[in-house]
Amino acid sequence: MKKDKSYSELMKACAMTKNQSKESFMNEVYVDMLLQEVLLTREKDLLSASIDAALDARDETTFNQLAKKYVELQKKLGL
């Protein structure tokens, strides 16, 4: 006769699988949030450098365009 797992063992295994699935999903969400923040921060740094260059060149129109983008990016970052 073949020995099968008991009901309680099956339920424990099912609960473990669900917990691992939830943890995996939360890890994916956390990694996605982290990557988004890194990308937005990098974009902010590049934009800041471009704004500095526009100021050095005394290019008012470019400065105004970049400043608007900078404000929008800060809103995305929650600053």
Protein backbone atom coordinates (compact mmCIF):
# COMPACT_ATOMS: atom_id res chain seq x y z
CA MET A 1 0.00 0.00 0.00
CA LYS A 2 1.26 3.45 -0.94
CA LYS A 3 1.75 5.94 1.88
CA ASP A 4 0.28 9.35 1.11
CA LYS A 5 0.70 12.52 3.06
CA SER A 6 -1.83 13.18 5.76
CA TYR A 7 -4.38 15.96 5.42
CA SER A 8 -2.55 18.10 7.97
CA GLU A 9 0.73 17.69 6.08
CA LEU A 10 -0.97 18.70 2.84
CA MET A 11 -2.50 21.76 4.50
CA LYS A 12 0.87 22.79 5.96
CA ALA A 13 2.49 22.43 2.56
CA CYS A 14 -0.27 24.50 0.96
CA ALA A 15 0.09 27.23 3.60
CA MET A 16 3.86 27.33 3.10
CA THR A 17 3.41 27.66 -0.65
CA LYS A 18 0.97 30.55 -0.20
CA ASN A 19 3.34 32.33 2.22
CA GLN A 20 6.25 31.89 -0.16
CA SER A 21 4.11 33.21 -3.01
CA LYS A 22 3.16 36.32 -1.00
CA GLU A 23 6.77 36.91 0.01
CA SER A 24 7.91 36.50 -3.57
CA PHE A 25 5.31 38.99 -4.79
CA MET A 26 6.28 41.53 -2.13
CA ASN A 27 9.95 41.11 -3.01
CA GLU A 28 9.15 41.78 -6.66
CA VAL A 29 7.17 44.90 -5.72
CA TYR A 30 10.01 46.12 -3.50
CA VAL A 31 12.63 45.55 -6.22
CA ASP A 32 10.44 47.34 -8.79
CA MET A 33 10.00 50.33 -6.47
CA LEU A 34 13.72 50.44 -5.79
CA LEU A 35 14.59 50.35 -9.48
CA GLN A 36 12.08 53.09 -10.26
CA GLU A 37 13.56 55.30 -7.56
CA VAL A 38 17.09 54.69 -8.84
CA LEU A 39 16.08 55.54 -12.40
CA LEU A 40 14.23 58.70 -11.37
CA THR A 41 17.12 59.80 -9.17
CA ARG A 42 19.55 59.27 -12.05
CA GLU A 43 17.28 61.25 -14.36
CA LYS A 44 17.14 64.03 -11.75
CA ASP A 45 20.94 64.14 -11.54
CA LEU A 46 21.28 64.33 -15.33
CA LEU A 47 18.63 67.03 -15.51
CA SER A 48 20.35 69.00 -12.77
CA ALA A 49 23.63 68.86 -14.71
CA SER A 50 21.83 70.05 -17.85
CA ILE A 51 20.26 72.92 -15.92
CA ASP A 52 23.70 73.92 -14.63
CA ALA A 53 25.06 73.86 -18.18
CA ALA A 54 22.18 76.03 -19.40
CA LEU A 55 22.85 78.50 -16.61
CA ASP A 56 26.55 78.59 -17.46
CA ALA A 57 25.69 79.20 -21.11
CA ARG A 58 23.08 81.83 -20.11
CA ASP A 59 20.50 79.99 -22.24
CA GLU A 60 17.22 81.15 -20.73
CA THR A 61 14.84 79.16 -22.95
CA THR A 62 16.65 75.87 -22.35
CA PHE A 63 16.83 76.64 -18.65
CA ASN A 64 13.07 77.27 -18.48
CA GLN A 65 12.28 74.03 -20.33
CA LEU A 66 14.59 72.00 -18.12
CA ALA A 67 13.31 73.68 -14.96
CA LYS A 68 9.75 72.63 -15.83
CA LYS A 69 10.90 69.04 -16.37
CA TYR A 70 12.78 69.19 -13.08
CA VAL A 71 9.66 70.28 -11.18
CA GLU A 72 7.63 67.45 -12.77
CA LEU A 73 10.33 64.95 -11.87
CA GLN A 74 10.38 66.14 -8.26
CA LYS A 75 6.63 65.53 -8.10
CA LYS A 76 7.19 61.96 -9.32
CA LEU A 77 9.84 61.48 -6.64
CA GLY A 78 7.53 62.90 -4.00
CA LEU A 79 9.81 65.81 -3.15
